[in-house]
């Protein structure tokens, strides 16, 4: 019973900790890739519910089909260089987060025709100092041993990356404003494939008027184990303000009653005023995203290019 109460307290108290962490990340980080536990849980649940009962192990989730996962797919966690061991709690969720890091750093570890340095992500996707929270998505989400996929699967992979079902936070970026977007691919993919899919998807995406061509692309020639290719999409999108607003709402339910605050203030150097400072920082951040999103749909006449005499 005591253990159960500990879990309840931790879940509530986490909102207080998140507010403090957000302030530090906003002030001192160059780039942040948030991952929301509920988004990971939803992804894992959808995969589990879509598979036949006899299928076990790591699975692949795609929003391209009505049944989410083809029943005939060969799915296992024991192939592709992965050790066979009993599945532990949160393995599937951790696998998604681990693959995010693997795909993000692939250019530093493998050769490619268009490798992207991590510094280039910040330079191209962060237009303002504090607007450095990136929404990430990736496809495929799990290891597949059935790598003999049809060619059209590549185009579907781009579509999936912009679907709300593949976002690693609970948000739908298509309904908000893109400031910039990076597509980092691995495997047997050509530059022409990337350009074709960008042109195909652009009409359905809302980019801010002063950065309509705000795309950064990376291409690593070495695919993930067991995959013909993979795609990691990173976008600076105003949809993340909804995540921040939800965090603020949960925090205020506790803070207006000063509930659980004593767990923090008993530490030397920690004062209640630090919560106020962190809350002000979060309010300012939300306001900046709202100001940017207010520009969605704005049309600006083409400015005549400078001519050199």
Protein backbone atom coordinates (compact mmCIF):
# COMPACT_ATOMS: atom_id res chain seq x y z
CA UNK A 1 0.00 0.00 0.00
CA UNK A 2 2.83 2.36 0.81
CA UNK A 3 4.38 1.63 -2.58
CA UNK A 4 1.11 2.55 -4.30
CA UNK A 5 1.00 5.88 -2.46
CA UNK A 6 4.57 6.59 -3.47
CA UNK A 7 3.64 6.19 -7.13
CA UNK A 8 0.71 8.58 -6.77
CA UNK A 9 2.84 11.21 -5.09
CA UNK A 10 5.56 10.86 -7.70
CA UNK A 11 3.10 11.28 -10.57
CA UNK A 12 1.75 14.52 -9.12
CA UNK A 13 5.11 15.80 -7.93
CA UNK A 14 6.57 15.27 -11.41
CA UNK A 15 4.65 18.31 -12.65
CA UNK A 16 6.55 20.46 -10.16
CA UNK A 17 9.86 18.99 -11.23
CA UNK A 18 9.02 19.47 -14.92
CA UNK A 19 8.37 23.17 -14.42
CA UNK A 20 11.77 23.61 -12.79
CA UNK A 21 13.47 21.58 -15.53
CA UNK A 22 11.70 23.53 -18.29
CA UNK A 23 13.15 26.80 -17.00
CA UNK A 24 16.69 25.43 -17.14
CA UNK A 25 16.19 23.90 -20.59
CA UNK A 26 14.74 27.13 -21.95
CA UNK A 27 17.55 29.27 -20.60
CA UNK A 28 20.60 27.10 -21.19
CA UNK A 29 19.92 24.37 -23.78
CA UNK A 30 20.65 24.86 -27.47
CA UNK A 31 18.10 22.31 -28.66
CA UNK A 32 15.59 20.04 -26.90
CA UNK A 33 13.71 17.01 -28.25
CA UNK A 34 10.81 16.33 -25.84
CA UNK A 35 9.29 12.86 -25.62
CA UNK A 36 5.93 12.42 -23.93
CA UNK A 37 5.27 9.18 -22.08
CA UNK A 38 1.59 9.17 -23.03
CA UNK A 39 2.48 9.36 -26.71
CA UNK A 40 4.78 6.35 -26.34
CA UNK A 41 2.09 4.43 -24.44
CA UNK A 42 -0.49 5.15 -27.15
CA UNK A 43 1.87 4.01 -29.89
CA UNK A 44 2.65 0.75 -28.07
CA UNK A 45 -1.04 0.11 -27.33
CA UNK A 46 -2.01 0.62 -30.97
CA UNK A 47 0.63 -1.83 -32.11
CA UNK A 48 -0.38 -4.41 -29.50
CA UNK A 49 -4.08 -4.18 -30.29
CA UNK A 50 -3.47 -4.43 -34.03
CA UNK A 51 -1.41 -7.62 -33.92
CA UNK A 52 -2.84 -11.16 -33.80
CA UNK A 53 -2.49 -12.77 -30.33
CA UNK A 54 0.10 -15.25 -31.62
CA UNK A 55 2.52 -12.53 -32.64
CA UNK A 56 4.96 -11.46 -29.96
CA UNK A 57 8.09 -9.38 -29.71
CA UNK A 58 8.90 -6.06 -31.31
CA UNK A 59 6.41 -4.83 -33.84
CA UNK A 60 6.12 -2.19 -36.52
CA UNK A 61 3.35 0.39 -36.58
CA UNK A 62 2.21 2.22 -39.67
CA UNK A 63 -0.73 4.54 -40.14
CA UNK A 64 -0.95 3.57 -43.80
CA UNK A 65 -3.36 0.68 -43.41
CA UNK A 66 -6.72 0.22 -41.80
CA UNK A 67 -5.48 -2.62 -39.59
CA UNK A 68 -2.31 -0.69 -38.65
CA UNK A 69 -0.10 -3.79 -38.94
CA UNK A 70 -0.31 -6.50 -41.58
CA UNK A 71 -1.12 -9.84 -39.98
CA UNK A 72 1.26 -11.64 -42.33
CA UNK A 73 4.30 -9.61 -41.31
CA UNK A 74 7.11 -11.62 -39.70
CA UNK A 75 7.74 -9.87 -36.42
CA UNK A 76 10.23 -10.87 -33.76
CA UNK A 77 12.67 -9.41 -31.23
CA UNK A 78 15.21 -12.19 -31.60
CA UNK A 79 16.60 -11.37 -35.03
CA UNK A 80 18.61 -8.56 -36.50
CA UNK A 81 21.37 -8.71 -33.91
CA UNK A 82 19.08 -8.20 -30.90
CA UNK A 83 19.66 -10.51 -27.94
CA UNK A 84 16.82 -12.86 -27.06
CA UNK A 85 15.71 -12.16 -23.50
CA UNK A 86 12.46 -11.82 -21.54
CA UNK A 87 10.69 -8.57 -22.30
CA UNK A 88 10.77 -6.11 -19.42
CA UNK A 89 8.33 -3.31 -18.59
CA UNK A 90 8.83 -0.21 -20.73
CA UNK A 91 11.11 -2.07 -23.20
CA UNK A 92 8.96 -1.02 -26.15
CA UNK A 93 8.78 2.60 -25.01
CA UNK A 94 12.53 2.72 -24.38
CA UNK A 95 13.14 1.16 -27.78
CA UNK A 96 11.41 4.10 -29.49
CA UNK A 97 13.49 6.63 -27.55
CA UNK A 98 16.70 4.68 -28.23
CA UNK A 99 15.99 4.55 -31.97
CA UNK A 100 15.50 8.32 -31.94
CA UNK A 101 19.04 8.79 -30.62
CA UNK A 102 20.46 6.17 -33.01
CA UNK A 103 18.94 7.84 -36.05
CA UNK A 104 19.87 11.31 -34.85
CA UNK A 105 23.55 10.38 -34.48
CA UNK A 106 23.85 8.07 -37.49
CA UNK A 107 25.65 10.73 -39.55
CA UNK A 108 28.38 10.89 -36.93
CA UNK A 109 28.88 7.12 -37.04
CA UNK A 110 28.38 6.14 -40.68
CA UNK A 111 29.16 7.43 -44.14
CA UNK A 112 26.56 9.11 -46.29
CA UNK A 113 26.17 11.28 -49.36
CA UNK A 114 24.51 14.05 -47.34
CA UNK A 115 25.45 13.62 -43.70
CA UNK A 116 24.13 16.16 -41.21
CA UNK A 117 26.17 17.40 -38.28
CA UNK A 118 24.23 17.89 -35.05
CA UNK A 119 25.20 21.56 -35.06
CA UNK A 120 23.41 21.93 -38.39
CA UNK A 121 20.15 20.88 -36.73
CA UNK A 122 20.34 23.81 -34.34
CA UNK A 123 21.49 26.25 -37.02
CA UNK A 124 18.67 25.37 -39.43
CA UNK A 125 15.77 24.55 -37.12
CA UNK A 126 16.11 27.12 -34.33
CA UNK A 127 15.27 30.62 -35.65
CA UNK A 128 15.07 32.26 -32.20
CA UNK A 129 17.10 31.50 -29.05
CA UNK A 130 14.33 30.11 -26.83
CA UNK A 131 12.22 28.55 -29.59
CA UNK A 132 14.42 25.45 -29.61
CA UNK A 133 11.95 22.66 -28.76
CA UNK A 134 11.69 20.22 -31.66
CA UNK A 135 8.85 17.80 -32.35
CA UNK A 136 10.22 14.42 -33.41
CA UNK A 137 8.69 11.51 -35.28
CA UNK A 138 10.17 8.42 -36.86
CA UNK A 139 9.21 5.55 -39.04
CA UNK A 140 9.26 2.61 -38.83
CA UNK A 141 8.74 2.64 -35.10
CA UNK A 142 9.86 -0.94 -34.38
CA UNK A 143 12.18 -3.58 -35.81
CA UNK A 144 10.84 -5.57 -38.75
CA UNK A 145 12.39 -8.77 -40.01
CA UNK A 146 10.26 -8.68 -43.13
CA UNK A 147 12.45 -6.23 -45.05
CA UNK A 148 11.16 -7.17 -48.51
CA UNK A 149 8.83 -4.18 -48.62
CA UNK A 150 7.29 -2.84 -51.83
CA UNK A 151 8.84 0.35 -53.31
CA UNK A 152 5.81 2.51 -52.51
CA UNK A 153 6.56 1.90 -48.86
CA UNK A 154 9.19 4.65 -49.10
CA UNK A 155 6.62 7.30 -50.01
CA UNK A 156 4.32 6.05 -47.28
CA UNK A 157 7.18 6.43 -44.83
CA UNK A 158 7.25 10.18 -45.51
CA UNK A 159 3.49 10.38 -45.05
CA UNK A 160 3.67 8.48 -41.77
CA UNK A 161 6.36 10.81 -40.42
CA UNK A 162 3.91 13.73 -40.56
CA UNK A 163 0.99 11.77 -39.13
CA UNK A 164 -0.01 12.52 -35.55
CA UNK A 165 0.18 8.77 -34.82
CA UNK A 166 3.96 8.85 -35.21
CA UNK A 167 4.71 11.98 -33.16
CA UNK A 168 6.61 11.42 -29.93
CA UNK A 169 4.47 14.02 -28.17
CA UNK A 170 0.67 14.23 -28.06
CA UNK A 171 0.25 16.76 -30.85
CA UNK A 172 -0.76 17.13 -34.48
CA UNK A 173 1.76 19.37 -36.25
CA UNK A 174 -0.32 19.52 -39.44
CA UNK A 175 -2.83 21.76 -37.63
CA UNK A 176 -0.15 24.17 -36.45
CA UNK A 177 2.65 26.24 -37.94
CA UNK A 178 6.01 24.90 -39.07
CA UNK A 179 9.02 27.15 -38.55
CA UNK A 180 11.42 24.61 -40.08
CA UNK A 181 11.72 20.88 -40.65
CA UNK A 182 14.54 18.36 -40.98
CA UNK A 183 14.31 14.96 -42.64
CA UNK A 184 17.10 12.54 -41.72
CA UNK A 185 17.05 9.34 -43.75
CA UNK A 186 19.05 6.15 -43.58
CA UNK A 187 19.38 3.46 -46.21
CA UNK A 188 18.97 3.12 -49.95
CA UNK A 189 17.29 6.47 -50.58
CA UNK A 190 18.10 8.97 -53.32
CA UNK A 191 18.04 12.75 -53.15
CA UNK A 192 15.35 12.68 -55.83
CA UNK A 193 13.14 10.59 -53.51
CA UNK A 194 13.44 13.24 -50.81
CA UNK A 195 12.70 16.14 -53.17
CA UNK A 196 9.71 14.35 -54.69
CA UNK A 197 8.13 13.70 -51.31
CA UNK A 198 8.79 17.20 -50.02
CA UNK A 199 7.00 18.64 -53.03
CA UNK A 200 4.17 16.15 -52.50
CA UNK A 201 3.72 17.02 -48.83
CA UNK A 202 4.29 20.79 -48.92
CA UNK A 203 0.69 21.73 -49.87
CA UNK A 204 -0.64 20.02 -46.72
CA UNK A 205 1.84 21.68 -44.34
CA UNK A 206 1.65 25.21 -42.97
CA UNK A 207 5.06 26.86 -43.07
CA UNK A 208 5.63 30.36 -41.72
CA UNK A 209 5.63 32.98 -44.47
CA UNK A 210 9.27 33.99 -44.05
CA UNK A 211 10.62 30.42 -44.27
CA UNK A 212 8.59 28.61 -46.90
CA UNK A 213 11.67 26.63 -47.98
CA UNK A 214 12.73 25.77 -44.44
CA UNK A 215 13.75 22.16 -45.09
CA UNK A 216 16.95 20.48 -43.98
CA UNK A 217 17.73 17.03 -45.36
CA UNK A 218 20.24 14.41 -44.34
CA UNK A 219 21.07 11.11 -45.99
CA UNK A 220 23.09 8.33 -44.36
CA UNK A 221 23.84 5.37 -46.60
CA UNK A 222 23.85 2.77 -43.79
CA UNK A 223 20.31 1.59 -42.90
CA UNK A 224 19.27 0.40 -39.44
CA UNK A 225 19.66 -3.32 -38.74
CA UNK A 226 16.77 -5.24 -40.30
CA UNK A 227 15.42 -2.26 -42.26
CA UNK A 228 15.83 -1.16 -45.87
CA UNK A 229 15.54 2.48 -44.75
CA UNK A 230 14.23 4.70 -41.98
CA UNK A 231 13.21 8.31 -41.52
CA UNK A 232 13.58 10.66 -38.57
CA UNK A 233 11.64 13.92 -38.90
CA UNK A 234 12.44 16.86 -36.64
CA UNK A 235 10.25 19.93 -36.83
CA UNK A 236 10.11 23.24 -35.05
CA UNK A 237 6.34 23.50 -34.81
CA UNK A 238 4.03 25.66 -32.70
CA UNK A 239 1.91 22.62 -31.79
CA UNK A 240 4.26 22.03 -28.88
CA UNK A 241 2.69 24.95 -27.04
CA UNK A 242 -0.29 22.70 -26.26
CA UNK A 243 2.05 20.31 -24.46
CA UNK A 244 3.48 23.21 -22.48
CA UNK A 245 -0.01 24.47 -21.66
CA UNK A 246 -1.04 21.04 -20.36
CA UNK A 247 2.08 20.97 -18.20
CA UNK A 248 1.24 24.39 -16.81
CA UNK A 249 -2.35 23.37 -16.02
CA UNK A 250 -1.21 20.30 -14.10
CA UNK A 251 1.35 22.37 -12.23
CA UNK A 252 -1.15 25.04 -11.22
CA UNK A 253 -3.55 22.49 -9.73
CA UNK A 254 -0.86 21.66 -7.21
CA UNK A 255 0.95 24.95 -6.82
CA UNK A 256 -2.05 27.09 -5.99
CA UNK A 257 -2.44 24.88 -2.91
CA UNK A 258 1.35 24.58 -2.41
CA UNK A 259 0.85 20.80 -2.52
CA UNK A 260 4.05 18.72 -2.47
CA UNK A 261 6.18 21.89 -2.56
CA UNK A 262 7.79 20.93 0.75
CA UNK A 263 9.46 17.97 -0.95
CA UNK A 264 11.59 20.51 -2.83
CA UNK A 265 12.02 23.40 -0.38
CA UNK A 266 13.59 21.22 2.32
CA UNK A 267 16.69 21.00 0.09
CA UNK A 268 19.31 23.63 0.92
CA UNK A 269 19.23 26.52 -1.54
CA UNK A 270 15.78 25.71 -2.90
CA UNK A 271 13.15 28.41 -2.43
CA UNK A 272 9.49 28.73 -3.40
CA UNK A 273 10.37 31.76 -5.53
CA UNK A 274 12.13 29.43 -7.98
CA UNK A 275 8.75 27.95 -8.89
CA UNK A 276 7.45 31.46 -9.61
CA UNK A 277 10.45 32.22 -11.81
CA UNK A 278 10.03 28.94 -13.69
CA UNK A 279 6.31 29.59 -14.18
CA UNK A 280 7.02 33.06 -15.60
CA UNK A 281 9.54 31.52 -17.98
CA UNK A 282 6.99 28.96 -19.17
CA UNK A 283 4.30 31.63 -19.64
CA UNK A 284 6.69 33.69 -21.75
CA UNK A 285 7.58 30.66 -23.87
CA UNK A 286 3.92 29.81 -24.49
CA UNK A 287 3.23 33.43 -25.42
CA UNK A 288 6.06 33.42 -27.96
CA UNK A 289 4.69 30.29 -29.64
CA UNK A 290 1.19 31.81 -29.69
CA UNK A 291 2.54 34.95 -31.35
CA UNK A 292 4.17 32.86 -34.05
CA UNK A 293 1.09 30.69 -34.60
CA UNK A 294 -1.00 33.84 -35.08
CA UNK A 295 0.92 34.32 -38.35
CA UNK A 296 -0.43 31.05 -39.79
CA UNK A 297 -2.10 31.63 -43.13
CA UNK A 298 -0.49 35.00 -43.63
CA UNK A 299 0.31 35.64 -47.27
CA UNK A 300 3.16 37.96 -48.15
CA UNK A 301 3.69 39.30 -51.63
CA UNK A 302 6.89 38.20 -53.29
CA UNK A 303 9.63 40.71 -52.68
CA UNK A 304 11.61 41.60 -55.74
CA UNK A 305 15.10 40.20 -55.59
CA UNK A 306 18.06 42.54 -55.56
CA UNK A 307 19.73 42.97 -58.91
CA UNK A 308 23.43 43.54 -59.36
CA UNK A 309 24.32 46.18 -61.90
